[in-house]
């Protein structure tokens, strides 16, 4: 993660990304992370939410927004 952030910052050449590093990072890792945790929990959203440290309703909202379920 740190090396990816350094590479991204080096590629900017002093010009910030319109979307921002934080938003870009979340966009790139959120869906794969949620898919992996759901697979690990055998699709049990309550268990996945607990492992992620978020409320089940928040997980369900994110899954809908990302088109995962």
PDB file of N, CA and C in Angstrom:
ATOM      1  N   UNK A   1       0.827  -1.180   0.000  1.00  0.00           N
ATOM      2  CA  UNK A   1       0.000   0.000   0.000  1.00  0.00           C
ATOM      3  C   UNK A   1       0.876   1.250   0.000  1.00  0.00           C
ATOM      4  N   UNK A   2       1.867   1.273   0.873  1.00  0.00           N
ATOM      5  CA  UNK A   2       2.727   2.454   0.967  1.00  0.00           C
ATOM      6  C   UNK A   2       3.486   2.681  -0.336  1.00  0.00           C
ATOM      7  N   UNK A   3       3.986   1.604  -0.942  1.00  0.00           N
ATOM      8  CA  UNK A   3       4.729   1.772  -2.194  1.00  0.00           C
ATOM      9  C   UNK A   3       3.806   2.239  -3.316  1.00  0.00           C
ATOM     10  N   UNK A   4       2.575   1.780  -3.323  1.00  0.00           N
ATOM     11  CA  UNK A   4       1.607   2.244  -4.326  1.00  0.00           C
ATOM     12  C   UNK A   4       1.305   3.721  -4.146  1.00  0.00           C
ATOM     13  N   UNK A   5       1.163   4.158  -2.895  1.00  0.00           N
ATOM     14  CA  UNK A   5       0.904   5.576  -2.626  1.00  0.00           C
ATOM     15  C   UNK A   5       2.093   6.424  -3.060  1.00  0.00           C
ATOM     16  N   UNK A   6       3.313   5.965  -2.774  1.00  0.00           N
ATOM     17  CA  UNK A   6       4.509   6.713  -3.189  1.00  0.00           C
ATOM     18  C   UNK A   6       4.586   6.806  -4.709  1.00  0.00           C
ATOM     19  N   UNK A   7       4.299   5.700  -5.393  1.00  0.00           N
ATOM     20  CA  UNK A   7       4.333   5.690  -6.856  1.00  0.00           C
ATOM     21  C   UNK A   7       3.287   6.650  -7.421  1.00  0.00           C
ATOM     22  N   UNK A   8       2.090   6.633  -6.847  1.00  0.00           N
ATOM     23  CA  UNK A   8       1.025   7.535  -7.286  1.00  0.00           C
ATOM     24  C   UNK A   8       1.460   8.989  -7.109  1.00  0.00           C
ATOM     25  N   UNK A   9       2.021   9.313  -5.950  1.00  0.00           N
ATOM     26  CA  UNK A   9       2.454  10.683  -5.676  1.00  0.00           C
ATOM     27  C   UNK A   9       3.580  11.105  -6.612  1.00  0.00           C
ATOM     28  N   UNK A  10       4.485  10.201  -6.918  1.00  0.00           N
ATOM     29  CA  UNK A  10       5.574  10.514  -7.839  1.00  0.00           C
ATOM     30  C   UNK A  10       5.038  10.779  -9.242  1.00  0.00           C
ATOM     31  N   UNK A  11       4.023  10.031  -9.646  1.00  0.00           N
ATOM     32  CA  UNK A  11       3.436  10.196 -10.980  1.00  0.00           C
ATOM     33  C   UNK A  11       2.672  11.504 -11.139  1.00  0.00           C
ATOM     34  N   UNK A  12       2.282  12.119 -10.030  1.00  0.00           N
ATOM     35  CA  UNK A  12       1.513  13.361 -10.110  1.00  0.00           C
ATOM     36  C   UNK A  12       2.329  14.530 -10.639  1.00  0.00           C
ATOM     37  N   UNK A  13       3.630  14.504 -10.415  1.00  0.00           N
ATOM     38  CA  UNK A  13       4.497  15.612 -10.830  1.00  0.00           C
ATOM     39  C   UNK A  13       3.998  16.951 -10.315  1.00  0.00           C
ATOM     40  N   UNK A  14       3.512  16.989  -9.076  1.00  0.00           N
ATOM     41  CA  UNK A  14       3.065  18.241  -8.467  1.00  0.00           C
ATOM     42  C   UNK A  14       1.640  18.643  -8.794  1.00  0.00           C
ATOM     43  N   UNK A  15       0.953  17.889  -9.633  1.00  0.00           N
ATOM     44  CA  UNK A  15      -0.421  18.214 -10.011  1.00  0.00           C
ATOM     45  C   UNK A  15      -1.371  17.239  -9.329  1.00  0.00           C
ATOM     46  N   UNK A  16      -2.222  17.717  -8.412  1.00  0.00           N
ATOM     47  CA  UNK A  16      -3.130  16.801  -7.714  1.00  0.00           C
ATOM     48  C   UNK A  16      -4.194  16.210  -8.643  1.00  0.00           C
ATOM     49  N   UNK A  17      -4.569  15.007  -8.346  1.00  0.00           N
ATOM     50  CA  UNK A  17      -5.639  14.321  -9.073  1.00  0.00           C
ATOM     51  C   UNK A  17      -6.971  14.975  -8.725  1.00  0.00           C
ATOM     52  N   UNK A  18      -7.837  15.127  -9.700  1.00  0.00           N
ATOM     53  CA  UNK A  18      -9.149  15.743  -9.452  1.00  0.00           C
ATOM     54  C   UNK A  18      -9.945  14.986  -8.403  1.00  0.00           C
ATOM     55  N   UNK A  19      -9.856  13.686  -8.427  1.00  0.00           N
ATOM     56  CA  UNK A  19     -10.661  12.883  -7.514  1.00  0.00           C
ATOM     57  C   UNK A  19     -10.029  12.772  -6.130  1.00  0.00           C
ATOM     58  N   UNK A  20      -8.737  13.001  -6.017  1.00  0.00           N
ATOM     59  CA  UNK A  20      -8.051  12.914  -4.733  1.00  0.00           C
ATOM     60  C   UNK A  20      -7.548  11.511  -4.452  1.00  0.00           C
ATOM     61  N   UNK A  21      -6.427  11.439  -3.780  1.00  0.00           N
ATOM     62  CA  UNK A  21      -5.796  10.158  -3.486  1.00  0.00           C
ATOM     63  C   UNK A  21      -6.679   9.280  -2.613  1.00  0.00           C
ATOM     64  N   UNK A  22      -7.293   9.863  -1.588  1.00  0.00           N
ATOM     65  CA  UNK A  22      -8.131   9.090  -0.669  1.00  0.00           C
ATOM     66  C   UNK A  22      -9.302   8.440  -1.405  1.00  0.00           C
ATOM     67  N   UNK A  23     -10.008   9.224  -2.211  1.00  0.00           N
ATOM     68  CA  UNK A  23     -11.156   8.699  -2.957  1.00  0.00           C
ATOM     69  C   UNK A  23     -10.715   7.638  -3.961  1.00  0.00           C
ATOM     70  N   UNK A  24      -9.579   7.877  -4.607  1.00  0.00           N
ATOM     71  CA  UNK A  24      -9.092   6.917  -5.595  1.00  0.00           C
ATOM     72  C   UNK A  24      -8.710   5.597  -4.928  1.00  0.00           C
ATOM     73  N   UNK A  25      -8.038   5.682  -3.801  1.00  0.00           N
ATOM     74  CA  UNK A  25      -7.653   4.476  -3.079  1.00  0.00           C
ATOM     75  C   UNK A  25      -8.878   3.685  -2.638  1.00  0.00           C
ATOM     76  N   UNK A  26      -9.856   4.377  -2.069  1.00  0.00           N
ATOM     77  CA  UNK A  26     -11.082   3.690  -1.652  1.00  0.00           C
ATOM     78  C   UNK A  26     -11.777   3.025  -2.832  1.00  0.00           C
ATOM     79  N   UNK A  27     -11.851   3.744  -3.941  1.00  0.00           N
ATOM     80  CA  UNK A  27     -12.513   3.209  -5.131  1.00  0.00           C
ATOM     81  C   UNK A  27     -11.833   1.926  -5.594  1.00  0.00           C
ATOM     82  N   UNK A  28     -10.521   1.880  -5.505  1.00  0.00           N
ATOM     83  CA  UNK A  28      -9.786   0.727  -6.007  1.00  0.00           C
ATOM     84  C   UNK A  28      -9.780  -0.469  -5.063  1.00  0.00           C
ATOM     85  N   UNK A  29      -9.863  -0.236  -3.753  1.00  0.00           N
ATOM     86  CA  UNK A  29      -9.748  -1.376  -2.836  1.00  0.00           C
ATOM     87  C   UNK A  29     -11.055  -1.803  -2.182  1.00  0.00           C
ATOM     88  N   UNK A  30     -12.052  -0.923  -2.149  1.00  0.00           N
ATOM     89  CA  UNK A  30     -13.267  -1.238  -1.397  1.00  0.00           C
ATOM     90  C   UNK A  30     -14.007  -2.456  -1.949  1.00  0.00           C
ATOM     91  N   UNK A  31     -14.286  -2.476  -3.239  1.00  0.00           N
ATOM     92  CA  UNK A  31     -15.045  -3.592  -3.815  1.00  0.00           C
ATOM     93  C   UNK A  31     -14.307  -4.923  -3.672  1.00  0.00           C
ATOM     94  N   UNK A  32     -13.010  -5.001  -4.028  1.00  0.00           N
ATOM     95  CA  UNK A  32     -12.317  -6.282  -3.838  1.00  0.00           C
ATOM     96  C   UNK A  32     -12.275  -6.724  -2.378  1.00  0.00           C
ATOM     97  N   UNK A  33     -12.095  -5.779  -1.466  1.00  0.00           N
ATOM     98  CA  UNK A  33     -12.078  -6.119  -0.043  1.00  0.00           C
ATOM     99  C   UNK A  33     -13.418  -6.700   0.386  1.00  0.00           C
ATOM    100  N   UNK A  34     -14.508  -6.047   0.006  1.00  0.00           N
ATOM    101  CA  UNK A  34     -15.834  -6.532   0.391  1.00  0.00           C
ATOM    102  C   UNK A  34     -16.115  -7.902  -0.218  1.00  0.00           C
ATOM    103  N   UNK A  35     -15.715  -8.102  -1.468  1.00  0.00           N
ATOM    104  CA  UNK A  35     -15.918  -9.415  -2.104  1.00  0.00           C
ATOM    105  C   UNK A  35     -15.154 -10.510  -1.365  1.00  0.00           C
ATOM    106  N   UNK A  36     -13.915 -10.233  -1.007  1.00  0.00           N
ATOM    107  CA  UNK A  36     -13.095 -11.227  -0.303  1.00  0.00           C
ATOM    108  C   UNK A  36     -13.664 -11.561   1.070  1.00  0.00           C
ATOM    109  N   UNK A  37     -14.081 -10.543   1.809  1.00  0.00           N
ATOM    110  CA  UNK A  37     -14.629 -10.788   3.144  1.00  0.00           C
ATOM    111  C   UNK A  37     -15.952 -11.538   3.040  1.00  0.00           C
ATOM    112  N   UNK A  38     -16.775 -11.202   2.054  1.00  0.00           N
ATOM    113  CA  UNK A  38     -18.030 -11.942   1.859  1.00  0.00           C
ATOM    114  C   UNK A  38     -17.762 -13.398   1.503  1.00  0.00           C
ATOM    115  N   UNK A  39     -16.781 -13.640   0.641  1.00  0.00           N
ATOM    116  CA  UNK A  39     -16.437 -15.023   0.287  1.00  0.00           C
ATOM    117  C   UNK A  39     -15.938 -15.767   1.518  1.00  0.00           C
ATOM    118  N   UNK A  40     -15.101 -15.114   2.315  1.00  0.00           N
ATOM    119  CA  UNK A  40     -14.565 -15.719   3.534  1.00  0.00           C
ATOM    120  C   UNK A  40     -15.682 -16.081   4.506  1.00  0.00           C
ATOM    121  N   UNK A  41     -16.712 -15.225   4.568  1.00  0.00           N
ATOM    122  CA  UNK A  41     -17.823 -15.455   5.502  1.00  0.00           C
ATOM    123  C   UNK A  41     -18.939 -16.293   4.880  1.00  0.00           C
ATOM    124  N   UNK A  42     -18.668 -16.886   3.708  1.00  0.00           N
ATOM    125  CA  UNK A  42     -19.674 -17.683   2.989  1.00  0.00           C
ATOM    126  C   UNK A  42     -20.951 -16.893   2.739  1.00  0.00           C
ATOM    127  N   UNK A  43     -20.804 -15.600   2.460  1.00  0.00           N
ATOM    128  CA  UNK A  43     -21.948 -14.749   2.153  1.00  0.00           C
ATOM    129  C   UNK A  43     -22.706 -14.240   3.358  1.00  0.00           C
ATOM    130  N   UNK A  44     -22.241 -14.549   4.549  1.00  0.00           N
ATOM    131  CA  UNK A  44     -22.908 -14.101   5.772  1.00  0.00           C
ATOM    132  C   UNK A  44     -22.566 -12.631   6.012  1.00  0.00           C
ATOM    133  N   UNK A  45     -23.521 -11.753   5.701  1.00  0.00           N
ATOM    134  CA  UNK A  45     -23.271 -10.321   5.790  1.00  0.00           C
ATOM    135  C   UNK A  45     -23.064  -9.848   7.222  1.00  0.00           C
ATOM    136  N   UNK A  46     -23.742 -10.449   8.169  1.00  0.00           N
ATOM    137  CA  UNK A  46     -23.550 -10.067   9.574  1.00  0.00           C
ATOM    138  C   UNK A  46     -22.121 -10.362  10.017  1.00  0.00           C
ATOM    139  N   UNK A  47     -21.652 -11.544   9.663  1.00  0.00           N
ATOM    140  CA  UNK A  47     -20.280 -11.923  10.028  1.00  0.00           C
ATOM    141  C   UNK A  47     -19.260 -11.047   9.300  1.00  0.00           C
ATOM    142  N   UNK A  48     -19.507 -10.775   8.016  1.00  0.00           N
ATOM    143  CA  UNK A  48     -18.606  -9.924   7.237  1.00  0.00           C
ATOM    144  C   UNK A  48     -18.540  -8.521   7.833  1.00  0.00           C
ATOM    145  N   UNK A  49     -19.690  -7.973   8.194  1.00  0.00           N
ATOM    146  CA  UNK A  49     -19.727  -6.635   8.782  1.00  0.00           C
ATOM    147  C   UNK A  49     -18.964  -6.602  10.097  1.00  0.00           C
ATOM    148  N   UNK A  50     -19.108  -7.648  10.889  1.00  0.00           N
ATOM    149  CA  UNK A  50     -18.411  -7.714  12.173  1.00  0.00           C
ATOM    150  C   UNK A  50     -16.896  -7.716  11.967  1.00  0.00           C
ATOM    151  N   UNK A  51     -16.428  -8.513  11.013  1.00  0.00           N
ATOM    152  CA  UNK A  51     -14.997  -8.584  10.723  1.00  0.00           C
ATOM    153  C   UNK A  51     -14.478  -7.242  10.210  1.00  0.00           C
ATOM    154  N   UNK A  52     -15.281  -6.575   9.391  1.00  0.00           N
ATOM    155  CA  UNK A  52     -14.884  -5.281   8.838  1.00  0.00           C
ATOM    156  C   UNK A  52     -14.974  -4.153   9.866  1.00  0.00           C
ATOM    157  N   UNK A  53     -15.727  -4.386  10.933  1.00  0.00           N
ATOM    158  CA  UNK A  53     -15.892  -3.354  11.954  1.00  0.00           C
ATOM    159  C   UNK A  53     -16.884  -2.278  11.563  1.00  0.00           C
ATOM    160  N   UNK A  54     -17.865  -2.667  10.725  1.00  0.00           N
ATOM    161  CA  UNK A  54     -18.910  -1.728  10.316  1.00  0.00           C
ATOM    162  C   UNK A  54     -20.272  -2.347  10.616  1.00  0.00           C
ATOM    163  N   UNK A  55     -21.291  -1.509  10.645  1.00  0.00           N
ATOM    164  CA  UNK A  55     -22.650  -1.981  10.893  1.00  0.00           C
ATOM    165  C   UNK A  55     -23.139  -2.751   9.671  1.00  0.00           C
ATOM    166  N   UNK A  56     -23.963  -3.751   9.899  1.00  0.00           N
ATOM    167  CA  UNK A  56     -24.500  -4.566   8.800  1.00  0.00           C
ATOM    168  C   UNK A  56     -25.237  -3.719   7.775  1.00  0.00           C
ATOM    169  N   UNK A  57     -25.982  -2.716   8.229  1.00  0.00           N
ATOM    170  CA  UNK A  57     -26.708  -1.842   7.299  1.00  0.00           C
ATOM    171  C   UNK A  57     -25.734  -1.062   6.416  1.00  0.00           C
ATOM    172  N   UNK A  58     -24.609  -0.659   6.981  1.00  0.00           N
ATOM    173  CA  UNK A  58     -23.589   0.048   6.203  1.00  0.00           C
ATOM    174  C   UNK A  58     -23.000  -0.874   5.148  1.00  0.00           C
ATOM    175  N   UNK A  59     -22.736  -2.108   5.525  1.00  0.00           N
ATOM    176  CA  UNK A  59     -22.217  -3.081   4.565  1.00  0.00           C
ATOM    177  C   UNK A  59     -23.212  -3.295   3.438  1.00  0.00           C
ATOM    178  N   UNK A  60     -24.470  -3.493   3.779  1.00  0.00           N
ATOM    179  CA  UNK A  60     -25.495  -3.712   2.748  1.00  0.00           C
ATOM    180  C   UNK A  60     -25.583  -2.528   1.796  1.00  0.00           C
ATOM    181  N   UNK A  61     -25.500  -1.315   2.334  1.00  0.00           N
ATOM    182  CA  UNK A  61     -25.548  -0.106   1.499  1.00  0.00           C
ATOM    183  C   UNK A  61     -24.360  -0.076   0.542  1.00  0.00           C
ATOM    184  N   UNK A  62     -23.179  -0.363   1.049  1.00  0.00           N
ATOM    185  CA  UNK A  62     -21.980  -0.364   0.210  1.00  0.00           C
ATOM    186  C   UNK A  62     -22.068  -1.447  -0.864  1.00  0.00           C
ATOM    187  N   UNK A  63     -22.575  -2.611  -0.512  1.00  0.00           N
ATOM    188  CA  UNK A  63     -22.721  -3.689  -1.488  1.00  0.00           C
ATOM    189  C   UNK A  63     -23.663  -3.283  -2.616  1.00  0.00           C
ATOM    190  N   UNK A  64     -24.759  -2.621  -2.262  1.00  0.00           N
ATOM    191  CA  UNK A  64     -25.700  -2.137  -3.288  1.00  0.00           C
ATOM    192  C   UNK A  64     -25.044  -1.072  -4.160  1.00  0.00           C
ATOM    193  N   UNK A  65     -24.372  -0.109  -3.536  1.00  0.00           N
ATOM    194  CA  UNK A  65     -23.734   0.983  -4.280  1.00  0.00           C
ATOM    195  C   UNK A  65     -22.681   0.466  -5.260  1.00  0.00           C
ATOM    196  N   UNK A  66     -21.973  -0.569  -4.859  1.00  0.00           N
ATOM    197  CA  UNK A  66     -20.905  -1.117  -5.695  1.00  0.00           C
ATOM    198  C   UNK A  66     -21.402  -2.199  -6.652  1.00  0.00           C
ATOM    199  N   UNK A  67     -22.694  -2.525  -6.574  1.00  0.00           N
ATOM    200  CA  UNK A  67     -23.274  -3.525  -7.469  1.00  0.00           C
ATOM    201  C   UNK A  67     -22.804  -4.943  -7.186  1.00  0.00           C
ATOM    202  N   UNK A  68     -22.477  -5.212  -5.933  1.00  0.00           N
ATOM    203  CA  UNK A  68     -21.979  -6.539  -5.565  1.00  0.00           C
ATOM    204  C   UNK A  68     -23.125  -7.499  -5.289  1.00  0.00           C
ATOM    205  N   UNK A  69     -24.232  -6.998  -4.774  1.00  0.00           N
ATOM    206  CA  UNK A  69     -25.408  -7.852  -4.542  1.00  0.00           C
ATOM    207  C   UNK A  69     -26.598  -7.304  -5.288  1.00  0.00           C
TER     208      UNK A  69
END
